[in-house]
Amino acid sequence: MMAKIFCIANQKGGVGKTTTAINLSAGLVALKQRVLLVDLDPQGNATMGSGVDKHQLEHSVYQVLIGHSSIIKSKYPSESGGYDVIPANRNLAGAEIELVDFKNRESILRDALQIVADDYDFILIDCPPALSLLTLNGLCAANGVIVPMQCEYFALEGLSDLVNSIKQVHANLNPDLKIIGLLRVMFDPRTALQQQVSGQLIQHFGDKVFKTIIPRNVRLAEAPSYGIPGVVFDKSSRGAKAYVEFGKEMVERIKSI
């Protein structure tokens, strides 16, 4: 069975995309799923947060995109998370310019992932916070998009931009692409505004809003500095438990996709 490929995307920065990518990967592994995490962000935070040193890479997603390496050569095990990583570092920032002259520049990642699609149950792609050529590669490769978002006023504005971008990619480049769901992250139930925005999301998007809510959690924030997913770093923390629950919800949701 071929892997389900999901982009974790939001054009707004600082909304917990990478935290979600790392912890969903580890949460799915805890549920006996085989997972590959692709880091498409030049900052390389998903790489470091998975315990792979971005400064010591022989191969990375950059070489895959420019055709100098294969996915198989470029994957590293996350010892702490139990999944595989296609890592990224600063070199990836240059790929934007280099890819402009490539013929099928939006679909390079999709083609590269086909080789390993049978080896995994899930392939998760951590996208940079902009609709760049890198994000486009992620969106073209994916079956669907998971949108992590904070329940704040400006988040709703950014969301409409992202929905429009996904519609354009769906119409022009990837007819399989759809929003799988919106994940409420860094949630503080004591804040009236967050409750209000959460209610508006459910009103607008209905069952596209995941039932699982990820709370604001210090242990999740501490984990990346140790190169360990929060789900493994402190299994008993509220954040870790929430991501394992989210993993279960994802496994259920893909049955209907």
Protein backbone atom coordinates (compact mmCIF):
# COMPACT_ATOMS: atom_id res chain seq x y z
CA MET A 1 0.00 0.00 0.00
CA MET A 2 1.35 3.40 -0.95
CA ALA A 3 2.03 6.01 1.70
CA LYS A 4 -0.40 8.82 2.33
CA ILE A 5 1.52 12.06 1.77
CA PHE A 6 0.57 15.12 3.80
CA CYS A 7 1.93 18.66 3.79
CA ILE A 8 1.97 20.57 7.04
CA ALA A 9 1.53 24.12 5.82
CA ASN A 10 0.55 27.60 6.86
CA GLN A 11 1.80 30.80 5.23
CA LYS A 12 2.04 32.39 8.67
CA GLY A 13 5.23 31.73 10.64
CA GLY A 14 5.42 30.64 14.27
CA VAL A 15 2.19 28.64 14.29
CA GLY A 16 3.65 25.28 15.32
CA LYS A 17 4.16 23.68 11.88
CA THR A 18 7.46 22.08 12.76
CA THR A 19 6.34 21.06 16.25
CA THR A 20 3.36 19.38 14.60
CA ALA A 21 5.50 17.70 11.91
CA ILE A 22 7.93 16.23 14.47
CA ASN A 23 5.35 15.18 17.05
CA LEU A 24 2.82 13.80 14.60
CA SER A 25 5.66 11.72 13.11
CA ALA A 26 6.63 10.37 16.54
CA GLY A 27 2.97 9.95 17.55
CA LEU A 28 2.30 7.86 14.44
CA VAL A 29 5.38 5.72 15.15
CA ALA A 30 3.97 5.07 18.64
CA LEU A 31 0.90 3.72 16.80
CA LYS A 32 3.12 1.29 14.81
CA GLN A 33 3.04 3.35 11.60
CA ARG A 34 6.06 3.68 9.29
CA VAL A 35 6.84 7.36 8.81
CA LEU A 36 9.10 9.51 6.65
CA LEU A 37 9.44 13.22 7.54
CA VAL A 38 10.62 15.54 4.76
CA ASP A 39 12.06 18.86 5.96
CA LEU A 40 11.40 21.47 3.24
CA ASP A 41 12.35 24.49 5.36
CA PRO A 42 15.88 25.93 4.93
CA GLN A 43 15.94 26.63 8.69
CA GLY A 44 16.21 22.86 9.20
CA ASN A 45 14.29 22.91 12.49
CA ALA A 46 12.45 19.64 11.83
CA THR A 47 15.84 18.08 11.10
CA MET A 48 17.43 19.27 14.35
CA GLY A 49 14.29 18.55 16.38
CA SER A 50 14.46 14.94 15.15
CA GLY A 51 18.04 14.59 16.41
CA VAL A 52 19.75 14.86 12.99
CA ASP A 53 22.59 17.40 12.85
CA LYS A 54 21.91 19.75 9.94
CA HIS A 55 25.57 20.90 9.96
CA GLN A 56 26.89 17.38 9.26
CA LEU A 57 24.81 16.34 6.25
CA GLU A 58 26.33 14.51 3.32
CA HIS A 59 22.96 14.43 1.54
CA SER A 60 19.85 16.54 2.05
CA VAL A 61 16.56 17.47 0.42
CA TYR A 62 18.48 20.19 -1.47
CA GLN A 63 20.50 17.56 -3.40
CA VAL A 64 17.30 15.60 -4.06
CA LEU A 65 15.58 18.65 -5.58
CA ILE A 66 18.48 19.61 -7.86
CA GLY A 67 18.94 16.00 -8.97
CA HIS A 68 22.28 15.30 -7.27
CA SER A 69 20.98 12.64 -4.88
CA SER A 70 18.10 10.21 -4.47
CA ILE A 71 15.59 10.03 -1.62
CA ILE A 72 17.06 6.66 -0.60
CA LYS A 73 20.59 8.10 -0.29
CA SER A 74 19.31 11.18 1.53
CA LYS A 75 17.29 9.66 4.37
CA TYR A 76 18.58 9.56 7.91
CA PRO A 77 17.05 7.73 10.88
CA SER A 78 15.69 9.80 13.76
CA GLU A 79 17.06 7.67 16.60
CA SER A 80 14.90 9.50 19.13
CA GLY A 81 11.68 9.55 17.10
CA GLY A 82 11.77 6.17 15.36
CA TYR A 83 10.99 7.61 11.90
CA ASP A 84 13.16 8.52 8.90
CA VAL A 85 14.07 12.10 7.93
CA ILE A 86 14.98 13.73 4.64
CA PRO A 87 16.90 16.61 6.25
CA ALA A 88 17.36 20.26 5.28
CA ASN A 89 19.83 23.03 5.99
CA ARG A 90 20.70 26.50 4.70
CA ASN A 91 21.72 25.12 1.28
CA LEU A 92 18.04 24.69 0.55
CA ALA A 93 17.56 28.46 0.36
CA GLY A 94 19.55 28.40 -2.90
CA ALA A 95 17.26 25.79 -4.45
CA GLU A 96 14.58 28.43 -5.11
CA ILE A 97 16.83 30.17 -7.64
CA GLU A 98 18.36 27.02 -9.12
CA LEU A 99 14.98 25.35 -9.71
CA VAL A 100 13.61 28.23 -11.78
CA ASP A 101 15.23 26.80 -14.92
CA PHE A 102 14.06 23.22 -14.30
CA LYS A 103 11.34 21.97 -16.63
CA ASN A 104 8.98 20.33 -14.12
CA ARG A 105 10.15 22.38 -11.17
CA GLU A 106 6.93 22.07 -9.13
CA SER A 107 6.80 18.27 -9.30
CA ILE A 108 10.42 17.28 -8.55
CA LEU A 109 9.67 16.22 -4.97
CA ARG A 110 6.57 14.27 -6.04
CA ASP A 111 8.59 12.28 -8.56
CA ALA A 112 11.43 11.68 -6.08
CA LEU A 113 9.06 10.37 -3.38
CA GLN A 114 7.48 7.77 -5.68
CA ILE A 115 10.56 5.56 -5.18
CA VAL A 116 9.90 5.14 -1.44
CA ALA A 117 6.09 5.49 -1.39
CA ASP A 118 5.63 1.75 -0.72
CA ASP A 119 8.06 1.74 2.21
CA TYR A 120 5.97 3.98 4.49
CA ASP A 121 2.43 4.42 5.77
CA PHE A 122 2.79 8.19 6.10
CA ILE A 123 5.08 10.76 4.47
CA LEU A 124 4.85 14.16 6.19
CA ILE A 125 6.30 17.30 4.61
CA ASP A 126 7.20 20.28 6.80
CA CYS A 127 6.80 23.35 4.56
CA PRO A 128 8.38 26.80 4.98
CA PRO A 129 6.07 29.67 6.04
CA ALA A 130 5.59 31.17 2.57
CA LEU A 131 4.05 30.12 -0.72
CA SER A 132 7.45 29.58 -2.32
CA LEU A 133 8.62 27.10 -4.92
CA LEU A 134 9.57 24.81 -2.03
CA THR A 135 6.04 24.90 -0.60
CA LEU A 136 4.67 24.34 -4.11
CA ASN A 137 6.78 21.19 -4.38
CA GLY A 138 5.28 20.01 -1.11
CA LEU A 139 1.72 20.79 -2.21
CA CYS A 140 2.21 19.07 -5.57
CA ALA A 141 3.53 15.93 -3.87
CA ALA A 142 0.77 15.68 -1.25
CA ASN A 143 -2.62 13.99 -1.05
CA GLY A 144 -3.70 16.62 1.43
CA VAL A 145 -2.78 19.51 3.70
CA ILE A 146 -2.80 19.65 7.49
CA VAL A 147 -3.04 23.26 8.65
CA PRO A 148 -1.82 23.95 12.19
CA MET A 149 -3.14 27.26 13.47
CA GLN A 150 -3.42 29.33 16.57
CA CYS A 151 -6.88 30.58 17.46
CA GLU A 152 -6.05 34.25 17.09
CA TYR A 153 -7.59 37.03 15.04
CA PHE A 154 -4.86 37.32 12.38
CA ALA A 155 -4.76 33.54 11.93
CA LEU A 156 -8.14 33.66 10.18
CA GLU A 157 -6.86 36.19 7.64
CA GLY A 158 -3.82 34.03 6.84
CA LEU A 159 -6.06 31.01 6.53
CA SER A 160 -8.10 32.47 3.68
CA ASP A 161 -4.85 33.15 1.75
CA LEU A 162 -3.75 29.56 2.28
CA VAL A 163 -7.13 28.15 1.21
CA ASN A 164 -6.92 30.19 -2.02
CA SER A 165 -3.38 28.93 -2.68
CA ILE A 166 -4.50 25.33 -2.16
CA LYS A 167 -7.42 25.86 -4.57
CA GLN A 168 -5.01 27.19 -7.22
CA VAL A 169 -2.63 24.26 -6.82
CA HIS A 170 -5.60 21.88 -6.93
CA ALA A 171 -6.87 23.49 -10.16
CA ASN A 172 -3.53 23.76 -11.97
CA LEU A 173 -1.01 21.27 -10.64
CA ASN A 174 -2.42 18.61 -8.30
CA PRO A 175 -6.08 17.57 -8.65
CA ASP A 176 -5.70 15.20 -5.66
CA LEU A 177 -4.90 18.01 -3.22
CA LYS A 178 -7.38 18.88 -0.51
CA ILE A 179 -7.41 20.24 3.02
CA ILE A 180 -7.43 17.25 5.35
CA GLY A 181 -8.03 19.34 8.41
CA LEU A 182 -7.26 22.32 10.62
CA LEU A 183 -5.38 21.60 13.83
CA ARG A 184 -5.79 24.02 16.73
CA VAL A 185 -2.38 24.38 18.40
CA MET A 186 -0.90 26.29 21.37
CA PHE A 187 -4.45 26.46 22.65
CA ASP A 188 -5.25 28.15 25.95
CA PRO A 189 -8.89 27.51 26.90
CA ARG A 190 -8.82 30.33 29.48
CA THR A 191 -8.67 32.95 26.72
CA ALA A 192 -12.06 34.16 25.52
CA LEU A 193 -10.67 35.17 22.09
CA GLN A 194 -9.23 31.70 21.47
CA GLN A 195 -12.56 30.10 22.37
CA GLN A 196 -14.30 32.55 20.04
CA VAL A 197 -11.96 31.92 17.08
CA SER A 198 -12.16 28.18 17.69
CA GLY A 199 -15.96 28.44 17.47
CA GLN A 200 -15.70 30.43 14.22
CA LEU A 201 -13.44 27.77 12.71
CA ILE A 202 -15.93 25.02 13.50
CA GLN A 203 -18.74 27.16 12.10
CA HIS A 204 -16.88 27.78 8.80
CA PHE A 205 -15.07 24.47 8.32
CA GLY A 206 -17.23 21.96 10.21
CA ASP A 207 -15.68 18.50 10.39
CA LYS A 208 -12.54 19.76 8.63
CA VAL A 209 -11.50 20.96 12.11
CA PHE A 210 -9.73 18.11 13.91
CA LYS A 211 -11.31 17.14 17.21
CA THR A 212 -7.91 16.95 18.89
CA ILE A 213 -6.68 20.25 20.34
CA ILE A 214 -2.98 20.73 21.12
CA PRO A 215 -2.57 22.74 24.34
CA ARG A 216 0.11 25.32 24.98
CA ASN A 217 2.78 23.18 26.63
CA VAL A 218 6.26 23.97 27.97
CA ARG A 219 7.54 20.41 27.56
CA LEU A 220 6.80 20.46 23.82
CA ALA A 221 8.76 23.70 23.53
CA GLU A 222 11.76 22.31 25.45
CA ALA A 223 12.09 19.06 23.51
CA PRO A 224 13.68 20.33 20.24
CA SER A 225 16.77 21.66 22.04
CA TYR A 226 17.50 18.02 22.99
CA GLY A 227 16.83 16.74 19.46
CA ILE A 228 13.94 14.64 20.78
CA PRO A 229 10.25 14.85 19.77
CA GLY A 230 8.06 16.07 22.64
CA VAL A 231 6.01 12.87 22.36
CA VAL A 232 9.14 10.93 23.41
CA PHE A 233 10.78 13.59 25.60
CA ASP A 234 7.97 13.58 28.17
CA LYS A 235 5.30 11.00 27.35
CA SER A 236 3.17 12.07 30.31
CA SER A 237 2.94 15.76 29.33
CA ARG A 238 -0.38 17.12 28.09
CA GLY A 239 1.20 18.11 24.78
CA ALA A 240 2.65 14.64 24.15
CA LYS A 241 -0.65 12.94 24.92
CA ALA A 242 -2.48 15.36 22.60
CA TYR A 243 -0.17 14.57 19.67
CA VAL A 244 -0.59 10.81 20.18
CA GLU A 245 -4.37 11.41 20.16
CA PHE A 246 -3.93 13.44 16.98
CA GLY A 247 -2.00 10.52 15.45
CA LYS A 248 -4.97 8.24 16.21
CA GLU A 249 -7.34 10.76 14.63
CA MET A 250 -5.17 10.91 11.50
CA VAL A 251 -5.07 7.11 11.18
CA GLU A 252 -8.87 7.09 11.39
CA ARG A 253 -9.30 10.02 9.02
CA ILE A 254 -7.21 8.54 6.21
CA LYS A 255 -9.55 5.55 6.07
CA SER A 256 -12.15 7.84 4.55
CA ILE A 257 -9.77 9.58 2.13
